[in-house]
Amino acid sequence: MSSNTEREPDQERRNFLKVAIVASAVLASGGVAAIGKALVNPSLASSGAPTTFPKVKVGTLSSLVVGTPITFYYPLDTEPNILVKLGQSAENGVGPEGDVVAYSSFCQHLGCSYGYLPKGGSPSCNGSFSAVKPVGYCCCHGSVYDLTAGAEVISGPSPRPLPRVLLEVDSAGNIYATGMTPPSVYGHNTGSSDPADDLQGGNLVNEGG
């Protein structure tokens, strides 16, 4: 009896040590992962990393011409977007006719720059295609986005719609970018549902208004 009683504390100590070793390994791996994430994206390691989108003037209603997109950079100074008056009401469109929208210029397939096509337009790379509505057409691999319906994918290999720029219009007709919707801009955490990813990895454009 006494020998069994003596062995039980030893076994308990061994079990405790095993649990402690496993817990330490888990914590260590978590620390390594965090360090690795910070190395991949140094801005995450900085306490001064931006956490909110700037409000930036990107155009005016009076300067827009139907079917003629303009390019602006947002939220980072390396990320182009198109602002366009479609000439027909669009999902999330702003302005008196609800037809002004803005989207990232990066195709969500492999990050190429797509081209804007008005209704009836054809891309230089595919004369047989005729847009039945305003779309974004990527000549790299043929992805087509419906700009009247949240830039959803109509055809082609793109796995997700284009990131949309949130727009506001003031009483004077000034148009402001105020944020981005998911998925994140191609080149960040592709396909992420967290728009804050778009604030990392570059310089924010200057705020205004």
N, C-alpha and C. Protein backbone atom coordinates (compact mmCIF):
# COMPACT_ATOMS: atom_id res chain seq x y z
N MET A 1 0.82 -1.21 0.00
CA MET A 1 0.00 0.00 0.00
C MET A 1 0.85 1.25 0.00
N SER A 2 1.87 1.29 0.84
CA SER A 2 2.69 2.49 0.96
C SER A 2 3.43 2.79 -0.32
N SER A 3 3.89 1.75 -1.08
CA SER A 3 4.61 1.99 -2.34
C SER A 3 3.71 2.62 -3.37
N ASN A 4 2.44 2.17 -3.46
CA ASN A 4 1.48 2.76 -4.41
C ASN A 4 1.20 4.21 -4.05
N THR A 5 1.05 4.45 -2.75
CA THR A 5 0.77 5.81 -2.30
C THR A 5 1.91 6.75 -2.64
N GLU A 6 3.16 6.23 -2.56
CA GLU A 6 4.32 7.06 -2.87
C GLU A 6 4.42 7.36 -4.36
N ARG A 7 3.98 6.38 -5.20
CA ARG A 7 4.09 6.57 -6.65
C ARG A 7 3.07 7.58 -7.18
N GLU A 8 1.90 7.68 -6.52
CA GLU A 8 0.85 8.56 -7.01
C GLU A 8 1.29 10.02 -7.10
N PRO A 9 1.96 10.60 -6.07
CA PRO A 9 2.45 11.99 -6.20
C PRO A 9 3.45 12.15 -7.33
N ASP A 10 4.30 11.10 -7.54
CA ASP A 10 5.27 11.17 -8.64
C ASP A 10 4.57 11.24 -9.98
N GLN A 11 3.53 10.45 -10.12
CA GLN A 11 2.78 10.43 -11.38
C GLN A 11 2.08 11.77 -11.60
N GLU A 12 1.53 12.34 -10.53
CA GLU A 12 0.87 13.63 -10.62
C GLU A 12 1.85 14.71 -11.04
N ARG A 13 3.09 14.65 -10.48
CA ARG A 13 4.10 15.64 -10.85
C ARG A 13 4.47 15.51 -12.33
N ARG A 14 4.58 14.26 -12.80
CA ARG A 14 4.93 14.05 -14.21
C ARG A 14 3.82 14.58 -15.12
N ASN A 15 2.57 14.34 -14.76
CA ASN A 15 1.44 14.82 -15.56
C ASN A 15 1.43 16.35 -15.60
N PHE A 16 1.71 16.96 -14.45
CA PHE A 16 1.73 18.42 -14.39
C PHE A 16 2.82 18.99 -15.30
N LEU A 17 3.99 18.34 -15.27
CA LEU A 17 5.09 18.81 -16.11
C LEU A 17 4.75 18.69 -17.59
N LYS A 18 4.07 17.60 -17.97
CA LYS A 18 3.66 17.41 -19.36
C LYS A 18 2.73 18.53 -19.81
N VAL A 19 1.73 18.83 -18.96
CA VAL A 19 0.78 19.89 -19.29
C VAL A 19 1.49 21.23 -19.41
N ALA A 20 2.42 21.50 -18.50
CA ALA A 20 3.14 22.77 -18.52
C ALA A 20 3.98 22.90 -19.78
N ILE A 21 4.60 21.81 -20.21
CA ILE A 21 5.43 21.84 -21.42
C ILE A 21 4.58 22.11 -22.65
N VAL A 22 3.43 21.43 -22.73
CA VAL A 22 2.52 21.64 -23.87
C VAL A 22 2.02 23.07 -23.90
N ALA A 23 1.63 23.60 -22.75
CA ALA A 23 1.13 24.98 -22.68
C ALA A 23 2.21 25.96 -23.11
N SER A 24 3.43 25.73 -22.67
CA SER A 24 4.54 26.62 -23.04
C SER A 24 4.77 26.61 -24.54
N ALA A 25 4.66 25.42 -25.14
CA ALA A 25 4.86 25.30 -26.60
C ALA A 25 3.79 26.07 -27.35
N VAL A 26 2.54 25.98 -26.88
CA VAL A 26 1.44 26.69 -27.53
C VAL A 26 1.66 28.19 -27.46
N LEU A 27 2.04 28.67 -26.28
CA LEU A 27 2.28 30.10 -26.11
C LEU A 27 3.45 30.57 -26.96
N ALA A 28 4.47 29.74 -27.05
CA ALA A 28 5.65 30.10 -27.84
C ALA A 28 5.30 30.19 -29.31
N SER A 29 4.51 29.23 -29.80
CA SER A 29 4.14 29.26 -31.22
C SER A 29 3.29 30.46 -31.52
N GLY A 30 2.40 30.86 -30.58
CA GLY A 30 1.59 32.05 -30.77
C GLY A 30 2.44 33.29 -30.85
N GLY A 31 3.47 33.34 -30.01
CA GLY A 31 4.37 34.49 -30.05
C GLY A 31 5.12 34.57 -31.35
N VAL A 32 5.58 33.42 -31.85
CA VAL A 32 6.28 33.39 -33.13
C VAL A 32 5.38 33.85 -34.25
N ALA A 33 4.11 33.40 -34.21
CA ALA A 33 3.16 33.80 -35.26
C ALA A 33 2.94 35.30 -35.24
N ALA A 34 2.82 35.86 -34.04
CA ALA A 34 2.60 37.30 -33.93
C ALA A 34 3.80 38.08 -34.46
N ILE A 35 5.01 37.58 -34.11
CA ILE A 35 6.22 38.24 -34.60
C ILE A 35 6.29 38.15 -36.11
N GLY A 36 5.95 36.96 -36.65
CA GLY A 36 5.98 36.79 -38.10
C GLY A 36 5.01 37.72 -38.80
N LYS A 37 3.82 37.91 -38.22
CA LYS A 37 2.83 38.79 -38.82
C LYS A 37 3.33 40.23 -38.83
N ALA A 38 4.00 40.62 -37.74
CA ALA A 38 4.53 41.97 -37.66
C ALA A 38 5.64 42.19 -38.66
N LEU A 39 6.45 41.14 -38.93
CA LEU A 39 7.53 41.27 -39.90
C LEU A 39 6.99 41.41 -41.31
N VAL A 40 5.92 40.65 -41.59
CA VAL A 40 5.31 40.73 -42.92
C VAL A 40 4.67 42.09 -43.12
N ASN A 41 4.02 42.62 -42.10
CA ASN A 41 3.36 43.91 -42.17
C ASN A 41 3.86 44.79 -41.02
N PRO A 42 5.01 45.48 -41.20
CA PRO A 42 5.62 46.24 -40.12
C PRO A 42 4.70 47.26 -39.47
N SER A 43 3.72 47.79 -40.22
CA SER A 43 2.85 48.82 -39.65
C SER A 43 2.01 48.28 -38.50
N LEU A 44 1.79 46.94 -38.49
CA LEU A 44 1.02 46.36 -37.41
C LEU A 44 1.78 46.43 -36.09
N ALA A 45 3.10 46.52 -36.17
CA ALA A 45 3.90 46.58 -34.95
C ALA A 45 3.98 48.00 -34.40
N SER A 46 3.51 48.96 -35.14
CA SER A 46 3.60 50.35 -34.72
C SER A 46 2.32 50.77 -34.01
N SER A 47 2.48 51.38 -32.85
CA SER A 47 1.31 51.83 -32.10
C SER A 47 0.60 52.97 -32.81
N GLY A 48 1.29 53.58 -33.79
CA GLY A 48 0.70 54.70 -34.51
C GLY A 48 0.00 54.28 -35.78
N ALA A 49 -0.24 52.98 -35.99
CA ALA A 49 -0.91 52.52 -37.20
C ALA A 49 -2.31 53.10 -37.27
N PRO A 50 -2.76 53.54 -38.47
CA PRO A 50 -4.09 54.13 -38.60
C PRO A 50 -5.19 53.12 -38.33
N THR A 51 -6.26 53.60 -37.76
CA THR A 51 -7.39 52.72 -37.44
C THR A 51 -8.70 53.21 -38.04
N THR A 52 -8.69 54.40 -38.60
CA THR A 52 -9.91 54.92 -39.23
C THR A 52 -9.60 55.47 -40.61
N PHE A 53 -10.58 55.42 -41.49
CA PHE A 53 -10.41 55.91 -42.85
C PHE A 53 -10.49 57.44 -42.87
N PRO A 54 -9.67 58.06 -43.70
CA PRO A 54 -9.74 59.53 -43.83
C PRO A 54 -10.94 59.93 -44.69
N LYS A 55 -11.36 61.16 -44.55
CA LYS A 55 -12.39 61.72 -45.42
C LYS A 55 -11.67 62.61 -46.42
N VAL A 56 -11.77 62.26 -47.70
CA VAL A 56 -10.99 62.94 -48.73
C VAL A 56 -11.87 63.35 -49.90
N LYS A 57 -11.76 64.59 -50.32
CA LYS A 57 -12.50 65.05 -51.49
C LYS A 57 -11.91 64.41 -52.74
N VAL A 58 -12.76 63.79 -53.57
CA VAL A 58 -12.27 63.10 -54.76
C VAL A 58 -12.85 63.65 -56.06
N GLY A 59 -13.76 64.62 -55.97
CA GLY A 59 -14.34 65.20 -57.16
C GLY A 59 -15.56 66.02 -56.84
N THR A 60 -16.23 66.48 -57.89
CA THR A 60 -17.48 67.22 -57.74
C THR A 60 -18.50 66.67 -58.73
N LEU A 61 -19.75 66.76 -58.37
CA LEU A 61 -20.80 66.29 -59.28
C LEU A 61 -20.77 67.05 -60.60
N SER A 62 -20.50 68.34 -60.54
CA SER A 62 -20.54 69.17 -61.75
C SER A 62 -19.42 68.83 -62.74
N SER A 63 -18.35 68.21 -62.25
CA SER A 63 -17.22 67.91 -63.13
C SER A 63 -17.33 66.55 -63.81
N LEU A 64 -18.29 65.74 -63.38
CA LEU A 64 -18.40 64.40 -63.92
C LEU A 64 -19.15 64.38 -65.25
N VAL A 65 -18.66 63.58 -66.17
CA VAL A 65 -19.32 63.37 -67.46
C VAL A 65 -19.76 61.91 -67.51
N VAL A 66 -21.00 61.68 -67.89
CA VAL A 66 -21.53 60.32 -67.94
C VAL A 66 -20.61 59.42 -68.77
N GLY A 67 -20.22 58.28 -68.17
CA GLY A 67 -19.42 57.31 -68.89
C GLY A 67 -17.94 57.61 -68.99
N THR A 68 -17.50 58.67 -68.32
CA THR A 68 -16.07 59.03 -68.35
C THR A 68 -15.52 58.95 -66.93
N PRO A 69 -14.83 57.86 -66.60
CA PRO A 69 -14.32 57.69 -65.24
C PRO A 69 -13.11 58.57 -64.96
N ILE A 70 -12.93 58.93 -63.71
CA ILE A 70 -11.72 59.63 -63.28
C ILE A 70 -11.02 58.74 -62.25
N THR A 71 -9.71 58.85 -62.18
CA THR A 71 -8.93 58.04 -61.25
C THR A 71 -8.53 58.86 -60.03
N PHE A 72 -8.62 58.27 -58.87
CA PHE A 72 -8.15 58.91 -57.64
C PHE A 72 -7.55 57.82 -56.75
N TYR A 73 -6.71 58.23 -55.81
CA TYR A 73 -6.04 57.28 -54.92
C TYR A 73 -6.65 57.33 -53.53
N TYR A 74 -6.96 56.12 -53.00
CA TYR A 74 -7.62 56.02 -51.71
C TYR A 74 -7.68 54.55 -51.30
N PRO A 75 -7.55 54.22 -50.01
CA PRO A 75 -7.16 55.09 -48.90
C PRO A 75 -5.64 55.34 -48.84
N LEU A 76 -4.86 54.54 -49.60
CA LEU A 76 -3.42 54.73 -49.63
C LEU A 76 -3.00 55.40 -50.93
N ASP A 77 -1.85 56.06 -50.89
CA ASP A 77 -1.42 56.82 -52.07
C ASP A 77 -0.86 55.94 -53.19
N THR A 78 -0.94 54.63 -53.02
CA THR A 78 -0.52 53.70 -54.06
C THR A 78 -1.69 52.90 -54.62
N GLU A 79 -2.90 53.24 -54.20
CA GLU A 79 -4.06 52.42 -54.57
C GLU A 79 -5.08 53.22 -55.38
N PRO A 80 -5.11 53.00 -56.71
CA PRO A 80 -6.03 53.73 -57.58
C PRO A 80 -7.45 53.18 -57.53
N ASN A 81 -8.39 54.09 -57.74
CA ASN A 81 -9.81 53.74 -57.83
C ASN A 81 -10.41 54.52 -58.99
N ILE A 82 -11.57 54.10 -59.46
CA ILE A 82 -12.28 54.88 -60.46
C ILE A 82 -13.55 55.46 -59.84
N LEU A 83 -13.84 56.69 -60.20
CA LEU A 83 -15.09 57.37 -59.84
C LEU A 83 -15.80 57.63 -61.15
N VAL A 84 -17.05 57.18 -61.27
CA VAL A 84 -17.72 57.32 -62.56
C VAL A 84 -19.22 57.55 -62.39
N LYS A 85 -19.75 58.39 -63.25
CA LYS A 85 -21.19 58.62 -63.33
C LYS A 85 -21.71 57.69 -64.42
N LEU A 86 -22.51 56.71 -64.03
CA LEU A 86 -22.91 55.64 -64.95
C LEU A 86 -24.02 56.03 -65.92
N GLY A 87 -24.82 57.02 -65.54
CA GLY A 87 -25.94 57.38 -66.40
C GLY A 87 -27.18 56.57 -66.15
N GLN A 88 -27.14 55.71 -65.16
CA GLN A 88 -28.32 54.95 -64.73
C GLN A 88 -28.16 54.61 -63.27
N SER A 89 -29.28 54.49 -62.58
CA SER A 89 -29.25 54.23 -61.15
C SER A 89 -28.45 52.97 -60.84
N ALA A 90 -27.66 53.05 -59.78
CA ALA A 90 -26.82 51.92 -59.40
C ALA A 90 -26.93 51.62 -57.92
N GLU A 91 -26.69 50.40 -57.55
CA GLU A 91 -26.66 50.01 -56.15
C GLU A 91 -25.62 50.85 -55.41
N ASN A 92 -26.03 51.48 -54.33
CA ASN A 92 -25.17 52.34 -53.51
C ASN A 92 -24.67 53.58 -54.25
N GLY A 93 -25.32 53.94 -55.36
CA GLY A 93 -24.92 55.14 -56.09
C GLY A 93 -25.30 56.40 -55.33
N VAL A 94 -24.51 57.46 -55.51
CA VAL A 94 -24.80 58.74 -54.86
C VAL A 94 -25.10 59.78 -55.93
N GLY A 95 -25.46 61.00 -55.48
CA GLY A 95 -25.83 62.05 -56.42
C GLY A 95 -27.33 62.06 -56.65
N PRO A 96 -27.85 63.09 -57.30
CA PRO A 96 -29.29 63.22 -57.54
C PRO A 96 -29.91 62.04 -58.27
N GLU A 97 -29.15 61.45 -59.20
CA GLU A 97 -29.66 60.30 -59.97
C GLU A 97 -29.24 58.96 -59.37
N GLY A 98 -28.49 58.99 -58.31
CA GLY A 98 -28.03 57.74 -57.69
C GLY A 98 -27.17 56.91 -58.63
N ASP A 99 -26.38 57.58 -59.46
CA ASP A 99 -25.61 56.85 -60.49
C ASP A 99 -24.10 57.05 -60.40
N VAL A 100 -23.63 57.66 -59.31
CA VAL A 100 -22.20 57.88 -59.15
C VAL A 100 -21.63 56.84 -58.19
N VAL A 101 -20.65 56.08 -58.66
CA VAL A 101 -20.05 55.02 -57.85
C VAL A 101 -18.53 55.09 -57.95
N ALA A 102 -17.87 54.39 -57.04
CA ALA A 102 -16.41 54.33 -57.07
C ALA A 102 -15.96 52.96 -56.59
N TYR A 103 -14.98 52.41 -57.30
CA TYR A 103 -14.45 51.08 -56.98
C TYR A 103 -12.95 51.04 -57.15
N SER A 104 -12.32 50.10 -56.45
CA SER A 104 -10.89 49.87 -56.63
C SER A 104 -10.61 49.53 -58.09
N SER A 105 -9.47 50.01 -58.59
CA SER A 105 -9.09 49.73 -59.99
C SER A 105 -8.41 48.38 -60.15
N PHE A 106 -8.19 47.66 -59.06
CA PHE A 106 -7.50 46.37 -59.13
C PHE A 106 -8.49 45.22 -59.30
N CYS A 107 -8.31 44.45 -60.36
CA CYS A 107 -9.11 43.24 -60.54
C CYS A 107 -8.81 42.30 -59.38
N GLN A 108 -9.85 41.64 -58.88
CA GLN A 108 -9.68 40.77 -57.72
C GLN A 108 -9.19 39.37 -58.07
N HIS A 109 -8.90 39.15 -59.35
CA HIS A 109 -8.35 37.85 -59.74
C HIS A 109 -6.86 37.80 -59.47
N LEU A 110 -6.09 38.60 -60.20
CA LEU A 110 -4.64 38.62 -60.01
C LEU A 110 -4.08 40.04 -59.88
N GLY A 111 -4.95 41.01 -59.65
CA GLY A 111 -4.49 42.36 -59.40
C GLY A 111 -4.22 43.21 -60.63
N CYS A 112 -4.65 42.77 -61.82
CA CYS A 112 -4.49 43.60 -63.02
C CYS A 112 -5.41 44.83 -62.92
N SER A 113 -5.17 45.79 -63.78
CA SER A 113 -6.06 46.95 -63.86
C SER A 113 -7.10 46.70 -64.94
N TYR A 114 -8.36 46.72 -64.59
CA TYR A 114 -9.42 46.50 -65.57
C TYR A 114 -9.78 47.83 -66.23
N GLY A 115 -10.58 47.77 -67.27
CA GLY A 115 -11.02 48.98 -67.95
C GLY A 115 -12.52 49.18 -67.80
N TYR A 116 -12.95 50.44 -67.78
CA TYR A 116 -14.37 50.75 -67.69
C TYR A 116 -15.00 50.69 -69.08
N LEU A 117 -16.19 50.09 -69.16
CA LEU A 117 -16.94 50.04 -70.41
C LEU A 117 -18.35 50.56 -70.17
N PRO A 118 -18.79 51.54 -70.95
CA PRO A 118 -20.19 51.99 -70.85
C PRO A 118 -21.08 50.96 -71.55
N LYS A 119 -22.37 51.12 -71.40
CA LYS A 119 -23.30 50.22 -72.08
C LYS A 119 -23.03 50.27 -73.59
N GLY A 120 -22.87 49.09 -74.19
CA GLY A 120 -22.60 49.00 -75.62
C GLY A 120 -21.12 49.04 -75.96
N GLY A 121 -20.27 49.28 -74.98
CA GLY A 121 -18.84 49.37 -75.24
C GLY A 121 -18.18 48.00 -75.37
N SER A 122 -17.03 47.97 -76.07
CA SER A 122 -16.25 46.74 -76.23
C SER A 122 -14.80 47.03 -75.87
N PRO A 123 -14.12 46.08 -75.24
CA PRO A 123 -12.71 46.28 -74.89
C PRO A 123 -11.82 46.07 -76.11
N SER A 124 -10.67 46.70 -76.12
CA SER A 124 -9.74 46.55 -77.25
C SER A 124 -9.24 45.12 -77.39
N CYS A 125 -9.28 44.37 -76.29
CA CYS A 125 -8.77 43.01 -76.31
C CYS A 125 -9.81 41.98 -76.74
N ASN A 126 -11.07 42.39 -76.83
CA ASN A 126 -12.13 41.43 -77.17
C ASN A 126 -13.27 42.16 -77.88
N GLY A 127 -13.12 42.33 -79.20
CA GLY A 127 -14.12 43.07 -79.98
C GLY A 127 -15.47 42.39 -80.05
N SER A 128 -15.51 41.10 -79.71
CA SER A 128 -16.79 40.38 -79.78
C SER A 128 -17.65 40.63 -78.55
N PHE A 129 -17.07 41.24 -77.51
CA PHE A 129 -17.82 41.50 -76.30
C PHE A 129 -18.47 42.87 -76.37
N SER A 130 -19.75 42.93 -76.05
CA SER A 130 -20.46 44.19 -75.99
C SER A 130 -21.18 44.30 -74.65
N ALA A 131 -20.86 45.33 -73.90
CA ALA A 131 -21.43 45.47 -72.56
C ALA A 131 -22.92 45.80 -72.63
N VAL A 132 -23.72 45.04 -71.90
CA VAL A 132 -25.17 45.28 -71.88
C VAL A 132 -25.52 46.31 -70.79
N LYS A 133 -24.54 46.68 -70.00
CA LYS A 133 -24.68 47.68 -68.94
C LYS A 133 -23.28 48.17 -68.60
N PRO A 134 -23.12 49.23 -67.83
CA PRO A 134 -21.77 49.68 -67.46
C PRO A 134 -21.03 48.61 -66.65
N VAL A 135 -19.84 48.26 -67.10
CA VAL A 135 -19.08 47.20 -66.44
C VAL A 135 -17.61 47.56 -66.35
N GLY A 136 -16.90 46.78 -65.53
CA GLY A 136 -15.45 46.78 -65.53
C GLY A 136 -15.01 45.52 -66.23
N TYR A 137 -14.14 45.64 -67.23
CA TYR A 137 -13.70 44.47 -68.00
C TYR A 137 -12.18 44.36 -67.88
N CYS A 138 -11.71 43.19 -67.40
CA CYS A 138 -10.28 42.97 -67.25
C CYS A 138 -9.74 42.17 -68.43
N CYS A 139 -8.86 42.79 -69.20
CA CYS A 139 -8.30 42.13 -70.38
C CYS A 139 -7.28 41.05 -70.04
N CYS A 140 -6.82 40.98 -68.81
CA CYS A 140 -5.84 39.95 -68.45
C CYS A 140 -6.44 38.54 -68.58
N HIS A 141 -7.61 38.35 -67.99
CA HIS A 141 -8.22 37.02 -68.02
C HIS A 141 -9.73 37.05 -68.21
N GLY A 142 -10.29 38.20 -68.54
CA GLY A 142 -11.69 38.26 -68.90
C GLY A 142 -12.70 38.39 -67.78
N SER A 143 -12.27 38.81 -66.61
CA SER A 143 -13.24 39.02 -65.53
C SER A 143 -14.08 40.25 -65.85
N VAL A 144 -15.39 40.14 -65.59
CA VAL A 144 -16.33 41.23 -65.87
C VAL A 144 -17.11 41.55 -64.59
N TYR A 145 -17.18 42.84 -64.25
CA TYR A 145 -17.86 43.28 -63.04
C TYR A 145 -19.03 44.20 -63.37
N ASP A 146 -20.18 43.94 -62.77
CA ASP A 146 -21.37 44.76 -62.98
C ASP A 146 -21.32 45.97 -62.05
N LEU A 147 -21.01 47.14 -62.59
CA LEU A 147 -20.86 48.33 -61.76
C LEU A 147 -22.19 48.92 -61.31
N THR A 148 -23.29 48.42 -61.84
CA THR A 148 -24.61 48.87 -61.38
C THR A 148 -25.13 48.03 -60.22
N ALA A 149 -24.43 46.94 -59.92
CA ALA A 149 -24.91 46.00 -58.89
C ALA A 149 -23.79 45.62 -57.93
N GLY A 150 -23.12 46.63 -57.36
CA GLY A 150 -22.10 46.36 -56.37
C GLY A 150 -20.83 45.74 -56.92
N ALA A 151 -20.60 45.87 -58.23
CA ALA A 151 -19.42 45.30 -58.89
C ALA A 151 -19.34 43.79 -58.71
N GLU A 152 -20.50 43.15 -58.70
CA GLU A 152 -20.51 41.69 -58.62
C GLU A 152 -19.92 41.11 -59.90
N VAL A 153 -19.38 39.90 -59.78
CA VAL A 153 -18.73 39.25 -60.93
C VAL A 153 -19.80 38.67 -61.86
N ILE A 154 -19.78 39.13 -63.12
CA ILE A 154 -20.71 38.61 -64.12
C ILE A 154 -20.11 37.37 -64.78
N SER A 155 -18.83 37.44 -65.10
CA SER A 155 -18.16 36.30 -65.73
C SER A 155 -16.66 36.41 -65.52
N GLY A 156 -15.96 35.33 -65.81
CA GLY A 156 -14.52 35.32 -65.67
C GLY A 156 -14.07 34.70 -64.35
N PRO A 157 -12.76 34.63 -64.14
CA PRO A 157 -12.22 33.89 -62.99
C PRO A 157 -12.18 34.64 -61.66
N SER A 158 -12.52 35.91 -61.64
CA SER A 158 -12.44 36.64 -60.37
C SER A 158 -13.29 35.95 -59.30
N PRO A 159 -12.73 35.73 -58.11
CA PRO A 159 -13.47 35.03 -57.06
C PRO A 159 -14.37 35.92 -56.21
N ARG A 160 -14.30 37.24 -56.43
CA ARG A 160 -15.07 38.14 -55.55
C ARG A 160 -15.29 39.49 -56.24
N PRO A 161 -16.26 40.27 -55.77
CA PRO A 161 -16.51 41.59 -56.36
C PRO A 161 -15.39 42.58 -56.05
N LEU A 162 -15.45 43.73 -56.71
CA LEU A 162 -14.46 44.77 -56.46
C LEU A 162 -14.73 45.46 -55.12
N PRO A 163 -13.69 45.84 -54.40
CA PRO A 163 -13.88 46.65 -53.19
C PRO A 163 -14.50 48.00 -53.58
N ARG A 164 -15.50 48.43 -52.82
CA ARG A 164 -16.20 49.69 -53.14
C ARG A 164 -15.73 50.80 -52.22
N VAL A 165 -15.59 51.98 -52.79
CA VAL A 165 -15.26 53.17 -51.99
C VAL A 165 -16.56 53.79 -51.51
N LEU A 166 -16.67 54.02 -50.23
CA LEU A 166 -17.85 54.69 -49.67
C LEU A 166 -17.79 56.17 -50.03
N LEU A 167 -18.90 56.69 -50.55
CA LEU A 167 -18.94 58.08 -51.00
C LEU A 167 -19.99 58.89 -50.23
N GLU A 168 -19.68 60.17 -50.05
CA GLU A 168 -20.64 61.12 -49.50
C GLU A 168 -20.63 62.36 -50.38
N VAL A 169 -21.79 63.00 -50.52
CA VAL A 169 -21.91 64.23 -51.30
C VAL A 169 -22.49 65.31 -50.40
N ASP A 170 -21.82 66.48 -50.36
CA ASP A 170 -22.34 67.55 -49.53
C ASP A 170 -23.28 68.45 -50.34
N SER A 171 -23.82 69.47 -49.70
CA SER A 171 -24.82 70.34 -50.33
C SER A 171 -24.27 71.13 -51.51
N ALA A 172 -22.94 71.26 -51.57
CA ALA A 172 -22.32 72.00 -52.67
C ALA A 172 -21.95 71.09 -53.84
N GLY A 173 -22.23 69.80 -53.69
CA GLY A 173 -21.92 68.86 -54.77
C GLY A 173 -20.52 68.29 -54.73
N ASN A 174 -19.80 68.52 -53.63
CA ASN A 174 -18.47 67.93 -53.48
C ASN A 174 -18.60 66.45 -53.10
N ILE A 175 -17.76 65.62 -53.69
CA ILE A 175 -17.81 64.18 -53.45
C ILE A 175 -16.62 63.78 -52.59
N TYR A 176 -16.90 63.07 -51.51
CA TYR A 176 -15.85 62.64 -50.59
C TYR A 176 -15.81 61.12 -50.49
N ALA A 177 -14.59 60.58 -50.42
CA ALA A 177 -14.38 59.18 -50.07
C ALA A 177 -14.26 59.12 -48.56
N THR A 178 -14.98 58.18 -47.94
CA THR A 178 -14.98 58.09 -46.49
C THR A 178 -14.61 56.71 -45.96
N GLY A 179 -14.42 55.75 -46.84
CA GLY A 179 -14.08 54.41 -46.38
C GLY A 179 -14.10 53.40 -47.51
N MET A 180 -13.84 52.16 -47.18
CA MET A 180 -13.88 51.06 -48.14
C MET A 180 -14.73 49.94 -47.58
N THR A 181 -15.36 49.18 -48.47
CA THR A 181 -16.10 47.99 -48.05
C THR A 181 -15.28 46.76 -48.39
N PRO A 182 -15.51 45.64 -47.69
CA PRO A 182 -14.81 44.41 -48.05
C PRO A 182 -15.35 43.87 -49.38
N PRO A 183 -14.57 43.02 -50.10
CA PRO A 183 -13.28 42.47 -49.67
C PRO A 183 -12.18 43.51 -49.71
N SER A 184 -11.06 43.21 -49.04
CA SER A 184 -9.96 44.16 -49.00
C SER A 184 -9.35 44.34 -50.39
N VAL A 185 -8.69 45.46 -50.59
CA VAL A 185 -8.05 45.77 -51.87
C VAL A 185 -7.01 44.70 -52.19
N TYR A 186 -6.97 44.27 -53.44
CA TYR A 186 -6.03 43.23 -53.84
C TYR A 186 -4.60 43.65 -53.47
N GLY A 187 -3.85 42.71 -52.87
CA GLY A 187 -2.50 42.99 -52.44
C GLY A 187 -2.37 43.08 -50.94
N HIS A 188 -3.51 43.23 -50.26
CA HIS A 188 -3.51 43.16 -48.79
C HIS A 188 -3.85 41.73 -48.42
N ASN A 189 -4.71 41.55 -47.46
CA ASN A 189 -5.17 40.22 -47.10
C ASN A 189 -6.33 39.90 -48.03
N THR A 190 -6.02 39.41 -49.22
CA THR A 190 -7.01 39.27 -50.29
C THR A 190 -8.25 38.50 -49.84
N GLY A 191 -9.41 39.13 -50.04
CA GLY A 191 -10.67 38.49 -49.69
C GLY A 191 -11.07 38.67 -48.25
N SER A 192 -10.31 39.41 -47.48
CA SER A 192 -10.64 39.61 -46.07
C SER A 192 -11.97 40.33 -45.93
N SER A 193 -12.65 40.06 -44.82
CA SER A 193 -13.90 40.76 -44.54
C SER A 193 -13.67 41.95 -43.61
N ASP A 194 -12.39 42.22 -43.30
CA ASP A 194 -12.07 43.33 -42.41
C ASP A 194 -11.50 44.50 -43.22
N PRO A 195 -12.28 45.56 -43.43
CA PRO A 195 -11.80 46.69 -44.22
C PRO A 195 -10.57 47.36 -43.64
N ALA A 196 -10.30 47.18 -42.34
CA ALA A 196 -9.14 47.82 -41.72
C ALA A 196 -7.83 47.34 -42.35
N ASP A 197 -7.86 46.19 -43.02
CA ASP A 197 -6.66 45.71 -43.72
C ASP A 197 -6.20 46.74 -44.75
N ASP A 198 -7.13 47.50 -45.31
CA ASP A 198 -6.80 48.46 -46.36
C ASP A 198 -6.06 49.69 -45.84
N LEU A 199 -5.93 49.81 -44.53
CA LEU A 199 -5.23 50.95 -43.95
C LEU A 199 -3.76 50.62 -43.69
N GLN A 200 -3.37 49.36 -43.91
CA GLN A 200 -2.03 48.91 -43.59
C GLN A 200 -1.16 48.78 -44.83
N GLY A 201 0.13 49.05 -44.68
CA GLY A 201 1.07 48.79 -45.74
C GLY A 201 1.41 49.95 -46.65
N GLY A 202 1.05 51.15 -46.28
CA GLY A 202 1.36 52.31 -47.12
C GLY A 202 1.00 53.61 -46.44
N ASN A 203 1.03 54.69 -47.19
CA ASN A 203 0.72 56.01 -46.64
C ASN A 203 -0.71 56.42 -46.95
N LEU A 204 -1.42 56.85 -45.93
CA LEU A 204 -2.78 57.35 -46.14
C LEU A 204 -2.74 58.62 -46.99
N VAL A 205 -3.74 58.77 -47.86
CA VAL A 205 -3.84 60.01 -48.62
C VAL A 205 -4.20 61.14 -47.66
N ASN A 206 -3.94 62.37 -48.07
CA ASN A 206 -4.21 63.51 -47.20
C ASN A 206 -5.70 63.69 -46.98
N GLU A 207 -6.04 63.97 -45.75
CA GLU A 207 -7.44 64.21 -45.43
C GLU A 207 -7.84 65.61 -45.90
N GLY A 208 -9.13 65.76 -46.12
CA GLY A 208 -9.63 67.07 -46.53
C GLY A 208 -11.10 67.21 -46.20
N GLY A 209 -11.58 68.44 -46.26
CA GLY A 209 -12.98 68.67 -46.04
C GLY A 209 -13.39 68.58 -44.59
